[in-house]
Amino acid sequence: MSDVTVEIFGKPGCHLCDDARQVLDRVIADFPGVELVERNILDNAEWFESMQNDIPVVTINQKRHAQWRVTEADLRAALREVTE
């Protein structure tokens, strides 16, 4: 089991979600033990209601890290903080 979980909340056809996923894949590859979980907001009415205008939403250990856009530098800094 991973000590750190990064979740991306999005939906199919969301180009910002696709962009964020590419950043997440690149950065997380440098952090062994960090687990990436993808969540489709269409699968959960509560997620859809709370995030439909904010996707993609990225959380780290269930705390919101970013919405709409995620930057490589900010994600790296946040992951360093929780993994060190």
PDB file of N, CA and C in Angstrom:
ATOM      1  N   MET A   1       0.836  -1.182   0.000  1.00  0.00           N
ATOM      2  CA  MET A   1       0.000   0.000   0.000  1.00  0.00           C
ATOM      3  C   MET A   1       0.881   1.245   0.000  1.00  0.00           C
ATOM      4  N   SER A   2       0.432   2.255  -0.682  1.00  0.00           N
ATOM      5  CA  SER A   2       1.188   3.487  -0.831  1.00  0.00           C
ATOM      6  C   SER A   2       1.019   4.398   0.382  1.00  0.00           C
ATOM      7  N   ASP A   3       2.080   5.121   0.705  1.00  0.00           N
ATOM      8  CA  ASP A   3       2.003   6.118   1.773  1.00  0.00           C
ATOM      9  C   ASP A   3       1.342   7.393   1.281  1.00  0.00           C
ATOM     10  N   VAL A   4       1.438   7.655  -0.018  1.00  0.00           N
ATOM     11  CA  VAL A   4       0.900   8.874  -0.607  1.00  0.00           C
ATOM     12  C   VAL A   4       0.008   8.496  -1.781  1.00  0.00           C
ATOM     13  N   THR A   5      -1.194   9.054  -1.785  1.00  0.00           N
ATOM     14  CA  THR A   5      -2.123   8.822  -2.881  1.00  0.00           C
ATOM     15  C   THR A   5      -2.465  10.148  -3.535  1.00  0.00           C
ATOM     16  N   VAL A   6      -2.277  10.200  -4.841  1.00  0.00           N
ATOM     17  CA  VAL A   6      -2.668  11.349  -5.646  1.00  0.00           C
ATOM     18  C   VAL A   6      -3.883  10.920  -6.441  1.00  0.00           C
ATOM     19  N   GLU A   7      -4.957  11.702  -6.346  1.00  0.00           N
ATOM     20  CA  GLU A   7      -6.162  11.411  -7.107  1.00  0.00           C
ATOM     21  C   GLU A   7      -6.398  12.531  -8.110  1.00  0.00           C
ATOM     22  N   ILE A   8      -6.843  12.154  -9.291  1.00  0.00           N
ATOM     23  CA  ILE A   8      -7.280  13.129 -10.280  1.00  0.00           C
ATOM     24  C   ILE A   8      -8.755  12.858 -10.559  1.00  0.00           C
ATOM     25  N   PHE A   9      -9.562  13.862 -10.332  1.00  0.00           N
ATOM     26  CA  PHE A   9     -10.989  13.795 -10.589  1.00  0.00           C
ATOM     27  C   PHE A   9     -11.252  14.502 -11.913  1.00  0.00           C
ATOM     28  N   GLY A  10     -11.876  13.802 -12.837  1.00  0.00           N
ATOM     29  CA  GLY A  10     -12.165  14.378 -14.143  1.00  0.00           C
ATOM     30  C   GLY A  10     -13.286  13.617 -14.801  1.00  0.00           C
ATOM     31  N   LYS A  11     -13.361  13.754 -16.125  1.00  0.00           N
ATOM     32  CA  LYS A  11     -14.359  13.006 -16.881  1.00  0.00           C
ATOM     33  C   LYS A  11     -13.846  12.817 -18.296  1.00  0.00           C
ATOM     34  N   PRO A  12     -14.369  11.826 -18.993  1.00  0.00           N
ATOM     35  CA  PRO A  12     -13.950  11.588 -20.375  1.00  0.00           C
ATOM     36  C   PRO A  12     -14.217  12.819 -21.246  1.00  0.00           C
ATOM     37  N   GLY A  13     -13.310  13.072 -22.175  1.00  0.00           N
ATOM     38  CA  GLY A  13     -13.468  14.185 -23.099  1.00  0.00           C
ATOM     39  C   GLY A  13     -13.014  15.526 -22.558  1.00  0.00           C
ATOM     40  N   CYS A  14     -12.441  15.545 -21.381  1.00  0.00           N
ATOM     41  CA  CYS A  14     -11.975  16.786 -20.752  1.00  0.00           C
ATOM     42  C   CYS A  14     -10.500  16.990 -21.134  1.00  0.00           C
ATOM     43  N   HIS A  15     -10.229  17.970 -21.992  1.00  0.00           N
ATOM     44  CA  HIS A  15      -8.849  18.170 -22.450  1.00  0.00           C
ATOM     45  C   HIS A  15      -7.942  18.669 -21.330  1.00  0.00           C
ATOM     46  N   LEU A  16      -8.466  19.437 -20.384  1.00  0.00           N
ATOM     47  CA  LEU A  16      -7.642  19.850 -19.242  1.00  0.00           C
ATOM     48  C   LEU A  16      -7.275  18.646 -18.378  1.00  0.00           C
ATOM     49  N   CYS A  17      -8.185  17.681 -18.287  1.00  0.00           N
ATOM     50  CA  CYS A  17      -7.906  16.457 -17.527  1.00  0.00           C
ATOM     51  C   CYS A  17      -6.795  15.663 -18.200  1.00  0.00           C
ATOM     52  N   ASP A  18      -6.847  15.593 -19.522  1.00  0.00           N
ATOM     53  CA  ASP A  18      -5.792  14.891 -20.259  1.00  0.00           C
ATOM     54  C   ASP A  18      -4.443  15.566 -20.053  1.00  0.00           C
ATOM     55  N   ASP A  19      -4.419  16.901 -20.089  1.00  0.00           N
ATOM     56  CA  ASP A  19      -3.175  17.643 -19.849  1.00  0.00           C
ATOM     57  C   ASP A  19      -2.646  17.387 -18.440  1.00  0.00           C
ATOM     58  N   ALA A  20      -3.547  17.428 -17.463  1.00  0.00           N
ATOM     59  CA  ALA A  20      -3.139  17.211 -16.068  1.00  0.00           C
ATOM     60  C   ALA A  20      -2.600  15.798 -15.881  1.00  0.00           C
ATOM     61  N   ARG A  21      -3.234  14.826 -16.511  1.00  0.00           N
ATOM     62  CA  ARG A  21      -2.795  13.429 -16.384  1.00  0.00           C
ATOM     63  C   ARG A  21      -1.371  13.259 -16.906  1.00  0.00           C
ATOM     64  N   GLN A  22      -1.024  13.951 -17.978  1.00  0.00           N
ATOM     65  CA  GLN A  22       0.339  13.880 -18.511  1.00  0.00           C
ATOM     66  C   GLN A  22       1.343  14.446 -17.505  1.00  0.00           C
ATOM     67  N   VAL A  23       1.016  15.554 -16.881  1.00  0.00           N
ATOM     68  CA  VAL A  23       1.891  16.134 -15.855  1.00  0.00           C
ATOM     69  C   VAL A  23       2.024  15.164 -14.685  1.00  0.00           C
ATOM     70  N   LEU A  24       0.904  14.618 -14.241  1.00  0.00           N
ATOM     71  CA  LEU A  24       0.928  13.675 -13.118  1.00  0.00           C
ATOM     72  C   LEU A  24       1.784  12.457 -13.438  1.00  0.00           C
ATOM     73  N   ASP A  25       1.624  11.904 -14.614  1.00  0.00           N
ATOM     74  CA  ASP A  25       2.408  10.724 -14.995  1.00  0.00           C
ATOM     75  C   ASP A  25       3.908  11.029 -14.970  1.00  0.00           C
ATOM     76  N   ARG A  26       4.295  12.181 -15.515  1.00  0.00           N
ATOM     77  CA  ARG A  26       5.725  12.546 -15.547  1.00  0.00           C
ATOM     78  C   ARG A  26       6.285  12.722 -14.134  1.00  0.00           C
ATOM     79  N   VAL A  27       5.566  13.444 -13.307  1.00  0.00           N
ATOM     80  CA  VAL A  27       6.080  13.763 -11.974  1.00  0.00           C
ATOM     81  C   VAL A  27       6.056  12.535 -11.069  1.00  0.00           C
ATOM     82  N   ILE A  28       4.958  11.817 -11.055  1.00  0.00           N
ATOM     83  CA  ILE A  28       4.826  10.667 -10.152  1.00  0.00           C
ATOM     84  C   ILE A  28       5.840   9.581 -10.476  1.00  0.00           C
ATOM     85  N   ALA A  29       6.275   9.504 -11.708  1.00  0.00           N
ATOM     86  CA  ALA A  29       7.303   8.526 -12.081  1.00  0.00           C
ATOM     87  C   ALA A  29       8.587   8.725 -11.270  1.00  0.00           C
ATOM     88  N   ASP A  30       8.810   9.934 -10.792  1.00  0.00           N
ATOM     89  CA  ASP A  30      10.006  10.238 -10.003  1.00  0.00           C
ATOM     90  C   ASP A  30       9.812  10.035  -8.498  1.00  0.00           C
ATOM     91  N   PHE A  31       8.627   9.590  -8.099  1.00  0.00           N
ATOM     92  CA  PHE A  31       8.326   9.412  -6.680  1.00  0.00           C
ATOM     93  C   PHE A  31       7.820   7.999  -6.427  1.00  0.00           C
ATOM     94  N   PRO A  32       8.755   7.042  -6.217  1.00  0.00           N
ATOM     95  CA  PRO A  32       8.336   5.667  -5.930  1.00  0.00           C
ATOM     96  C   PRO A  32       7.441   5.634  -4.686  1.00  0.00           C
ATOM     97  N   GLY A  33       6.450   4.819  -4.725  1.00  0.00           N
ATOM     98  CA  GLY A  33       5.559   4.693  -3.574  1.00  0.00           C
ATOM     99  C   GLY A  33       4.367   5.633  -3.619  1.00  0.00           C
ATOM    100  N   VAL A  34       4.338   6.546  -4.580  1.00  0.00           N
ATOM    101  CA  VAL A  34       3.175   7.420  -4.739  1.00  0.00           C
ATOM    102  C   VAL A  34       2.215   6.747  -5.709  1.00  0.00           C
ATOM    103  N   GLU A  35       0.988   6.588  -5.275  1.00  0.00           N
ATOM    104  CA  GLU A  35      -0.030   5.922  -6.079  1.00  0.00           C
ATOM    105  C   GLU A  35      -0.917   6.967  -6.749  1.00  0.00           C
ATOM    106  N   LEU A  36      -1.179   6.793  -8.029  1.00  0.00           N
ATOM    107  CA  LEU A  36      -2.085   7.659  -8.775  1.00  0.00           C
ATOM    108  C   LEU A  36      -3.404   6.926  -8.988  1.00  0.00           C
ATOM    109  N   VAL A  37      -4.493   7.591  -8.609  1.00  0.00           N
ATOM    110  CA  VAL A  37      -5.829   7.020  -8.770  1.00  0.00           C
ATOM    111  C   VAL A  37      -6.658   8.000  -9.598  1.00  0.00           C
ATOM    112  N   GLU A  38      -7.277   7.489 -10.648  1.00  0.00           N
ATOM    113  CA  GLU A  38      -8.145   8.319 -11.490  1.00  0.00           C
ATOM    114  C   GLU A  38      -9.594   8.107 -11.075  1.00  0.00           C
ATOM    115  N   ARG A  39     -10.319   9.217 -10.941  1.00  0.00           N
ATOM    116  CA  ARG A  39     -11.730   9.172 -10.560  1.00  0.00           C
ATOM    117  C   ARG A  39     -12.555   9.890 -11.625  1.00  0.00           C
ATOM    118  N   ASN A  40     -13.609   9.247 -12.057  1.00  0.00           N
ATOM    119  CA  ASN A  40     -14.528   9.835 -13.021  1.00  0.00           C
ATOM    120  C   ASN A  40     -15.689  10.448 -12.246  1.00  0.00           C
ATOM    121  N   ILE A  41     -15.849  11.766 -12.334  1.00  0.00           N
ATOM    122  CA  ILE A  41     -16.905  12.418 -11.556  1.00  0.00           C
ATOM    123  C   ILE A  41     -18.306  12.001 -12.014  1.00  0.00           C
ATOM    124  N   LEU A  42     -18.412  11.408 -13.184  1.00  0.00           N
ATOM    125  CA  LEU A  42     -19.714  10.941 -13.654  1.00  0.00           C
ATOM    126  C   LEU A  42     -20.159   9.676 -12.918  1.00  0.00           C
ATOM    127  N   ASP A  43     -19.229   9.035 -12.205  1.00  0.00           N
ATOM    128  CA  ASP A  43     -19.542   7.808 -11.470  1.00  0.00           C
ATOM    129  C   ASP A  43     -20.100   8.059 -10.073  1.00  0.00           C
ATOM    130  N   ASN A  44     -20.107   9.319  -9.632  1.00  0.00           N
ATOM    131  CA  ASN A  44     -20.499   9.621  -8.256  1.00  0.00           C
ATOM    132  C   ASN A  44     -21.212  10.974  -8.239  1.00  0.00           C
ATOM    133  N   ALA A  45     -22.463  10.978  -7.851  1.00  0.00           N
ATOM    134  CA  ALA A  45     -23.268  12.205  -7.875  1.00  0.00           C
ATOM    135  C   ALA A  45     -22.674  13.309  -6.990  1.00  0.00           C
ATOM    136  N   GLU A  46     -22.114  12.936  -5.854  1.00  0.00           N
ATOM    137  CA  GLU A  46     -21.514  13.929  -4.947  1.00  0.00           C
ATOM    138  C   GLU A  46     -20.286  14.580  -5.596  1.00  0.00           C
ATOM    139  N   TRP A  47     -19.425  13.771  -6.210  1.00  0.00           N
ATOM    140  CA  TRP A  47     -18.257  14.323  -6.902  1.00  0.00           C
ATOM    141  C   TRP A  47     -18.700  15.255  -8.017  1.00  0.00           C
ATOM    142  N   PHE A  48     -19.697  14.792  -8.799  1.00  0.00           N
ATOM    143  CA  PHE A  48     -20.166  15.604  -9.915  1.00  0.00           C
ATOM    144  C   PHE A  48     -20.684  16.950  -9.418  1.00  0.00           C
ATOM    145  N   GLU A  49     -21.515  16.920  -8.398  1.00  0.00           N
ATOM    146  CA  GLU A  49     -22.101  18.155  -7.866  1.00  0.00           C
ATOM    147  C   GLU A  49     -21.037  19.113  -7.347  1.00  0.00           C
ATOM    148  N   SER A  50     -20.047  18.599  -6.659  1.00  0.00           N
ATOM    149  CA  SER A  50     -19.056  19.477  -6.028  1.00  0.00           C
ATOM    150  C   SER A  50     -17.908  19.877  -6.947  1.00  0.00           C
ATOM    151  N   MET A  51     -17.679  19.139  -8.043  1.00  0.00           N
ATOM    152  CA  MET A  51     -16.496  19.408  -8.864  1.00  0.00           C
ATOM    153  C   MET A  51     -16.777  19.664 -10.338  1.00  0.00           C
ATOM    154  N   GLN A  52     -18.024  19.649 -10.756  1.00  0.00           N
ATOM    155  CA  GLN A  52     -18.316  19.712 -12.187  1.00  0.00           C
ATOM    156  C   GLN A  52     -17.723  20.935 -12.878  1.00  0.00           C
ATOM    157  N   ASN A  53     -17.569  22.030 -12.188  1.00  0.00           N
ATOM    158  CA  ASN A  53     -17.007  23.245 -12.798  1.00  0.00           C
ATOM    159  C   ASN A  53     -15.535  23.449 -12.491  1.00  0.00           C
ATOM    160  N   ASP A  54     -14.931  22.508 -11.777  1.00  0.00           N
ATOM    161  CA  ASP A  54     -13.546  22.661 -11.316  1.00  0.00           C
ATOM    162  C   ASP A  54     -12.563  21.686 -11.938  1.00  0.00           C
ATOM    163  N   ILE A  55     -13.025  20.698 -12.700  1.00  0.00           N
ATOM    164  CA  ILE A  55     -12.135  19.637 -13.155  1.00  0.00           C
ATOM    165  C   ILE A  55     -11.098  20.133 -14.157  1.00  0.00           C
ATOM    166  N   PRO A  56      -9.947  19.498 -14.126  1.00  0.00           N
ATOM    167  CA  PRO A  56      -9.572  18.423 -13.218  1.00  0.00           C
ATOM    168  C   PRO A  56      -9.269  18.952 -11.817  1.00  0.00           C
ATOM    169  N   VAL A  57      -9.584  18.129 -10.855  1.00  0.00           N
ATOM    170  CA  VAL A  57      -9.216  18.398  -9.463  1.00  0.00           C
ATOM    171  C   VAL A  57      -8.186  17.346  -9.078  1.00  0.00           C
ATOM    172  N   VAL A  58      -7.086  17.797  -8.501  1.00  0.00           N
ATOM    173  CA  VAL A  58      -6.027  16.893  -8.061  1.00  0.00           C
ATOM    174  C   VAL A  58      -5.921  16.998  -6.552  1.00  0.00           C
ATOM    175  N   THR A  59      -5.955  15.838  -5.888  1.00  0.00           N
ATOM    176  CA  THR A  59      -5.774  15.811  -4.442  1.00  0.00           C
ATOM    177  C   THR A  59      -4.529  14.997  -4.106  1.00  0.00           C
ATOM    178  N   ILE A  60      -3.937  15.344  -2.990  1.00  0.00           N
ATOM    179  CA  ILE A  60      -2.822  14.577  -2.437  1.00  0.00           C
ATOM    180  C   ILE A  60      -3.253  14.176  -1.033  1.00  0.00           C
ATOM    181  N   ASN A  61      -3.341  12.877  -0.821  1.00  0.00           N
ATOM    182  CA  ASN A  61      -3.831  12.347   0.454  1.00  0.00           C
ATOM    183  C   ASN A  61      -5.139  13.020   0.868  1.00  0.00           C
ATOM    184  N   GLN A  62      -6.048  13.135  -0.089  1.00  0.00           N
ATOM    185  CA  GLN A  62      -7.404  13.637   0.089  1.00  0.00           C
ATOM    186  C   GLN A  62      -7.489  15.140   0.371  1.00  0.00           C
ATOM    187  N   LYS A  63      -6.378  15.864   0.227  1.00  0.00           N
ATOM    188  CA  LYS A  63      -6.399  17.323   0.360  1.00  0.00           C
ATOM    189  C   LYS A  63      -6.265  17.920  -1.029  1.00  0.00           C
ATOM    190  N   ARG A  64      -7.137  18.864  -1.349  1.00  0.00           N
ATOM    191  CA  ARG A  64      -7.121  19.459  -2.684  1.00  0.00           C
ATOM    192  C   ARG A  64      -5.790  20.166  -2.924  1.00  0.00           C
ATOM    193  N   HIS A  65      -5.142  19.790  -4.006  1.00  0.00           N
ATOM    194  CA  HIS A  65      -3.865  20.390  -4.396  1.00  0.00           C
ATOM    195  C   HIS A  65      -4.063  21.398  -5.526  1.00  0.00           C
ATOM    196  N   ALA A  66      -4.864  21.047  -6.517  1.00  0.00           N
ATOM    197  CA  ALA A  66      -5.025  21.915  -7.684  1.00  0.00           C
ATOM    198  C   ALA A  66      -6.371  21.663  -8.342  1.00  0.00           C
ATOM    199  N   GLN A  67      -6.803  22.653  -9.097  1.00  0.00           N
ATOM    200  CA  GLN A  67      -7.969  22.490  -9.963  1.00  0.00           C
ATOM    201  C   GLN A  67      -7.690  23.220 -11.268  1.00  0.00           C
ATOM    202  N   TRP A  68      -8.344  22.807 -12.304  1.00  0.00           N
ATOM    203  CA  TRP A  68      -8.212  23.306 -13.681  1.00  0.00           C
ATOM    204  C   TRP A  68      -6.852  22.994 -14.294  1.00  0.00           C
ATOM    205  N   ARG A  69      -5.769  23.410 -13.658  1.00  0.00           N
ATOM    206  CA  ARG A  69      -4.427  23.154 -14.194  1.00  0.00           C
ATOM    207  C   ARG A  69      -3.504  22.752 -13.046  1.00  0.00           C
ATOM    208  N   VAL A  70      -2.615  21.832 -13.349  1.00  0.00           N
ATOM    209  CA  VAL A  70      -1.612  21.416 -12.375  1.00  0.00           C
ATOM    210  C   VAL A  70      -0.249  21.672 -13.006  1.00  0.00           C
ATOM    211  N   THR A  71       0.640  22.299 -12.236  1.00  0.00           N
ATOM    212  CA  THR A  71       1.975  22.561 -12.771  1.00  0.00           C
ATOM    213  C   THR A  71       2.954  21.538 -12.214  1.00  0.00           C
ATOM    214  N   GLU A  72       3.913  21.219 -13.043  1.00  0.00           N
ATOM    215  CA  GLU A  72       4.923  20.242 -12.651  1.00  0.00           C
ATOM    216  C   GLU A  72       5.684  20.709 -11.412  1.00  0.00           C
ATOM    217  N   ALA A  73       6.077  21.970 -11.384  1.00  0.00           N
ATOM    218  CA  ALA A  73       6.863  22.498 -10.259  1.00  0.00           C
ATOM    219  C   ALA A  73       6.079  22.435  -8.950  1.00  0.00           C
ATOM    220  N   ASP A  74       4.814  22.852  -8.973  1.00  0.00           N
ATOM    221  CA  ASP A  74       4.003  22.831  -7.754  1.00  0.00           C
ATOM    222  C   ASP A  74       3.751  21.407  -7.271  1.00  0.00           C
ATOM    223  N   LEU A  75       3.489  20.502  -8.209  1.00  0.00           N
ATOM    224  CA  LEU A  75       3.239  19.113  -7.833  1.00  0.00           C
ATOM    225  C   LEU A  75       4.497  18.485  -7.243  1.00  0.00           C
ATOM    226  N   ARG A  76       5.652  18.727  -7.866  1.00  0.00           N
ATOM    227  CA  ARG A  76       6.912  18.193  -7.327  1.00  0.00           C
ATOM    228  C   ARG A  76       7.164  18.700  -5.902  1.00  0.00           C
ATOM    229  N   ALA A  77       6.951  19.988  -5.698  1.00  0.00           N
ATOM    230  CA  ALA A  77       7.181  20.575  -4.372  1.00  0.00           C
ATOM    231  C   ALA A  77       6.225  19.943  -3.342  1.00  0.00           C
ATOM    232  N   ALA A  78       4.967  19.785  -3.707  1.00  0.00           N
ATOM    233  CA  ALA A  78       4.005  19.200  -2.782  1.00  0.00           C
ATOM    234  C   ALA A  78       4.335  17.747  -2.469  1.00  0.00           C
ATOM    235  N   LEU A  79       4.749  16.996  -3.468  1.00  0.00           N
ATOM    236  CA  LEU A  79       5.095  15.594  -3.237  1.00  0.00           C
ATOM    237  C   LEU A  79       6.372  15.460  -2.420  1.00  0.00           C
ATOM    238  N   ARG A  80       7.345  16.342  -2.649  1.00  0.00           N
ATOM    239  CA  ARG A  80       8.548  16.314  -1.812  1.00  0.00           C
ATOM    240  C   ARG A  80       8.176  16.538  -0.349  1.00  0.00           C
ATOM    241  N   GLU A  81       7.274  17.451  -0.124  1.00  0.00           N
ATOM    242  CA  GLU A  81       6.859  17.785   1.243  1.00  0.00           C
ATOM    243  C   GLU A  81       6.223  16.590   1.952  1.00  0.00           C
ATOM    244  N   VAL A  82       5.398  15.817   1.247  1.00  0.00           N
ATOM    245  CA  VAL A  82       4.696  14.700   1.899  1.00  0.00           C
ATOM    246  C   VAL A  82       5.492  13.398   1.880  1.00  0.00           C
ATOM    247  N   THR A  83       6.559  13.326   1.091  1.00  0.00           N
ATOM    248  CA  THR A  83       7.328  12.075   1.026  1.00  0.00           C
ATOM    249  C   THR A  83       8.626  12.135   1.804  1.00  0.00           C
ATOM    250  N   GLU A  84       9.021  13.306   2.255  1.00  0.00           N
ATOM    251  CA  GLU A  84      10.302  13.407   2.977  1.00  0.00           C
ATOM    252  C   GLU A  84      10.111  13.269   4.471  1.00  0.00           C
TER     253      GLU A  84
END
